[in-house]
């Protein structure tokens, strides 16, 4: 995924499924300056992570 698409998903009114290494996540924030995003797991995991947007896949 690229940074523009991640930003579109973050701002979308509808829910768009996004995966990080096969696990569903929620995009909390996008950081264009270093092409990363803050994500939260949707499968019961705890915490938030900052990951490269290139690792995110729209399902």
N, C-alpha and C. Protein backbone atom coordinates (compact mmCIF):
# COMPACT_ATOMS: atom_id res chain seq x y z
N UNK A 1 0.85 -1.17 0.00
CA UNK A 1 0.00 0.00 0.00
C UNK A 1 0.90 1.23 0.00
N UNK A 2 0.41 2.31 -0.58
CA UNK A 2 1.19 3.54 -0.53
C UNK A 2 0.57 4.50 0.49
N UNK A 3 1.30 5.55 0.80
CA UNK A 3 0.90 6.47 1.86
C UNK A 3 -0.41 7.18 1.54
N UNK A 4 -0.65 7.50 0.25
CA UNK A 4 -1.90 8.17 -0.12
C UNK A 4 -3.10 7.28 0.13
N UNK A 5 -2.98 5.98 -0.21
CA UNK A 5 -4.11 5.07 0.02
C UNK A 5 -4.34 4.87 1.51
N UNK A 6 -3.28 4.78 2.29
CA UNK A 6 -3.44 4.65 3.74
C UNK A 6 -4.19 5.85 4.30
N UNK A 7 -3.87 7.05 3.81
CA UNK A 7 -4.55 8.26 4.27
C UNK A 7 -6.02 8.24 3.86
N UNK A 8 -6.31 7.77 2.64
CA UNK A 8 -7.70 7.67 2.18
C UNK A 8 -8.50 6.72 3.07
N UNK A 9 -7.90 5.59 3.41
CA UNK A 9 -8.57 4.61 4.26
C UNK A 9 -8.81 5.20 5.65
N UNK A 10 -7.83 5.90 6.18
CA UNK A 10 -7.97 6.54 7.49
C UNK A 10 -9.14 7.52 7.49
N UNK A 11 -9.32 8.25 6.41
CA UNK A 11 -10.37 9.27 6.33
C UNK A 11 -11.70 8.75 5.81
N UNK A 12 -11.76 7.51 5.38
CA UNK A 12 -12.98 6.94 4.80
C UNK A 12 -14.07 6.80 5.86
N UNK A 13 -15.31 7.04 5.45
CA UNK A 13 -16.44 6.86 6.36
C UNK A 13 -16.79 5.39 6.52
N UNK A 14 -16.57 4.59 5.49
CA UNK A 14 -16.87 3.17 5.57
C UNK A 14 -15.65 2.42 6.12
N UNK A 15 -15.89 1.22 6.62
CA UNK A 15 -14.80 0.38 7.12
C UNK A 15 -14.17 -0.37 5.95
N UNK A 16 -12.87 -0.26 5.84
CA UNK A 16 -12.11 -0.94 4.79
C UNK A 16 -11.15 -1.89 5.48
N UNK A 17 -11.20 -3.16 5.09
CA UNK A 17 -10.36 -4.16 5.72
C UNK A 17 -8.91 -4.01 5.25
N UNK A 18 -8.02 -3.90 6.24
CA UNK A 18 -6.59 -3.79 5.96
C UNK A 18 -5.87 -4.84 6.80
N UNK A 19 -4.88 -5.49 6.18
CA UNK A 19 -4.12 -6.53 6.85
C UNK A 19 -2.67 -6.12 7.01
N UNK A 20 -2.07 -6.54 8.12
CA UNK A 20 -0.63 -6.40 8.35
C UNK A 20 -0.11 -7.79 8.67
N UNK A 21 0.69 -8.32 7.77
CA UNK A 21 1.20 -9.70 7.91
C UNK A 21 0.06 -10.69 8.14
N UNK A 22 -1.03 -10.51 7.39
CA UNK A 22 -2.15 -11.43 7.44
C UNK A 22 -3.16 -11.20 8.54
N UNK A 23 -2.89 -10.27 9.46
CA UNK A 23 -3.81 -10.00 10.56
C UNK A 23 -4.54 -8.68 10.32
N UNK A 24 -5.84 -8.64 10.60
CA UNK A 24 -6.61 -7.40 10.40
C UNK A 24 -6.18 -6.32 11.40
N UNK A 25 -6.07 -5.10 10.89
CA UNK A 25 -5.66 -3.96 11.73
C UNK A 25 -6.56 -2.77 11.45
N UNK A 26 -6.49 -1.80 12.35
CA UNK A 26 -7.17 -0.52 12.19
C UNK A 26 -6.09 0.54 12.09
N UNK A 27 -6.16 1.40 11.07
CA UNK A 27 -5.18 2.48 10.94
C UNK A 27 -5.59 3.62 11.87
N UNK A 28 -4.73 3.93 12.82
CA UNK A 28 -4.98 5.00 13.80
C UNK A 28 -4.47 6.35 13.31
N UNK A 29 -3.33 6.34 12.60
CA UNK A 29 -2.71 7.58 12.14
C UNK A 29 -1.75 7.24 11.02
N UNK A 30 -1.44 8.23 10.19
CA UNK A 30 -0.51 8.05 9.08
C UNK A 30 0.57 9.12 9.20
N UNK A 31 1.81 8.72 8.98
CA UNK A 31 2.95 9.64 9.07
C UNK A 31 3.64 9.73 7.71
N UNK A 32 3.23 10.67 6.85
CA UNK A 32 3.78 10.77 5.50
C UNK A 32 5.29 11.04 5.47
N UNK A 33 5.81 11.71 6.50
CA UNK A 33 7.22 12.07 6.48
C UNK A 33 8.14 10.85 6.46
N UNK A 34 7.68 9.72 6.97
CA UNK A 34 8.53 8.52 6.91
C UNK A 34 7.79 7.28 6.39
N UNK A 35 6.65 7.51 5.72
CA UNK A 35 5.86 6.42 5.11
C UNK A 35 5.51 5.31 6.10
N UNK A 36 5.06 5.72 7.29
CA UNK A 36 4.63 4.74 8.29
C UNK A 36 3.21 5.06 8.74
N UNK A 37 2.63 4.09 9.43
CA UNK A 37 1.29 4.26 9.98
C UNK A 37 1.24 3.66 11.37
N UNK A 38 0.45 4.28 12.25
CA UNK A 38 0.19 3.71 13.56
C UNK A 38 -1.03 2.82 13.40
N UNK A 39 -0.91 1.56 13.77
CA UNK A 39 -2.00 0.60 13.59
C UNK A 39 -2.31 -0.11 14.90
N UNK A 40 -3.56 -0.56 14.98
CA UNK A 40 -4.05 -1.28 16.16
C UNK A 40 -4.60 -2.62 15.68
N UNK A 41 -4.24 -3.72 16.33
CA UNK A 41 -4.75 -5.03 15.91
C UNK A 41 -6.24 -5.16 16.21
N UNK A 42 -6.95 -5.84 15.32
CA UNK A 42 -8.39 -6.06 15.51
C UNK A 42 -8.69 -7.47 15.99
N UNK A 43 -7.67 -8.30 16.14
CA UNK A 43 -7.88 -9.69 16.51
C UNK A 43 -7.65 -9.94 18.00
N UNK A 44 -7.84 -8.92 18.81
CA UNK A 44 -7.71 -9.09 20.25
C UNK A 44 -6.33 -8.80 20.80
N UNK A 45 -5.38 -8.46 19.93
CA UNK A 45 -4.05 -8.11 20.42
C UNK A 45 -4.08 -6.77 21.13
N UNK A 46 -3.03 -6.50 21.87
CA UNK A 46 -2.97 -5.27 22.64
C UNK A 46 -1.99 -4.29 22.03
N UNK A 47 -2.18 -3.02 22.36
CA UNK A 47 -1.24 -1.98 21.98
C UNK A 47 -1.43 -1.48 20.56
N UNK A 48 -0.54 -0.58 20.20
CA UNK A 48 -0.49 -0.04 18.84
C UNK A 48 0.95 -0.13 18.37
N UNK A 49 1.13 -0.21 17.06
CA UNK A 49 2.46 -0.31 16.47
C UNK A 49 2.60 0.71 15.37
N UNK A 50 3.80 1.13 15.13
CA UNK A 50 4.11 1.96 13.98
C UNK A 50 4.82 1.06 12.97
N UNK A 51 4.21 0.94 11.79
CA UNK A 51 4.72 0.02 10.77
C UNK A 51 4.85 0.75 9.43
N UNK A 52 5.71 0.27 8.54
CA UNK A 52 5.78 0.84 7.19
C UNK A 52 4.47 0.60 6.44
N UNK A 53 3.95 1.60 5.75
CA UNK A 53 2.69 1.40 5.02
C UNK A 53 2.87 0.38 3.91
N UNK A 54 4.10 0.16 3.45
CA UNK A 54 4.35 -0.84 2.41
C UNK A 54 3.99 -2.25 2.90
N UNK A 55 3.92 -2.44 4.22
CA UNK A 55 3.56 -3.76 4.79
C UNK A 55 2.06 -3.95 4.92
N UNK A 56 1.27 -2.92 4.62
CA UNK A 56 -0.18 -3.00 4.74
C UNK A 56 -0.80 -3.42 3.42
N UNK A 57 -1.80 -4.28 3.51
CA UNK A 57 -2.48 -4.80 2.32
C UNK A 57 -3.98 -4.59 2.49
N UNK A 58 -4.58 -3.98 1.48
CA UNK A 58 -6.04 -3.81 1.49
C UNK A 58 -6.66 -5.13 1.07
N UNK A 59 -7.60 -5.62 1.87
CA UNK A 59 -8.22 -6.92 1.60
C UNK A 59 -9.45 -6.77 0.74
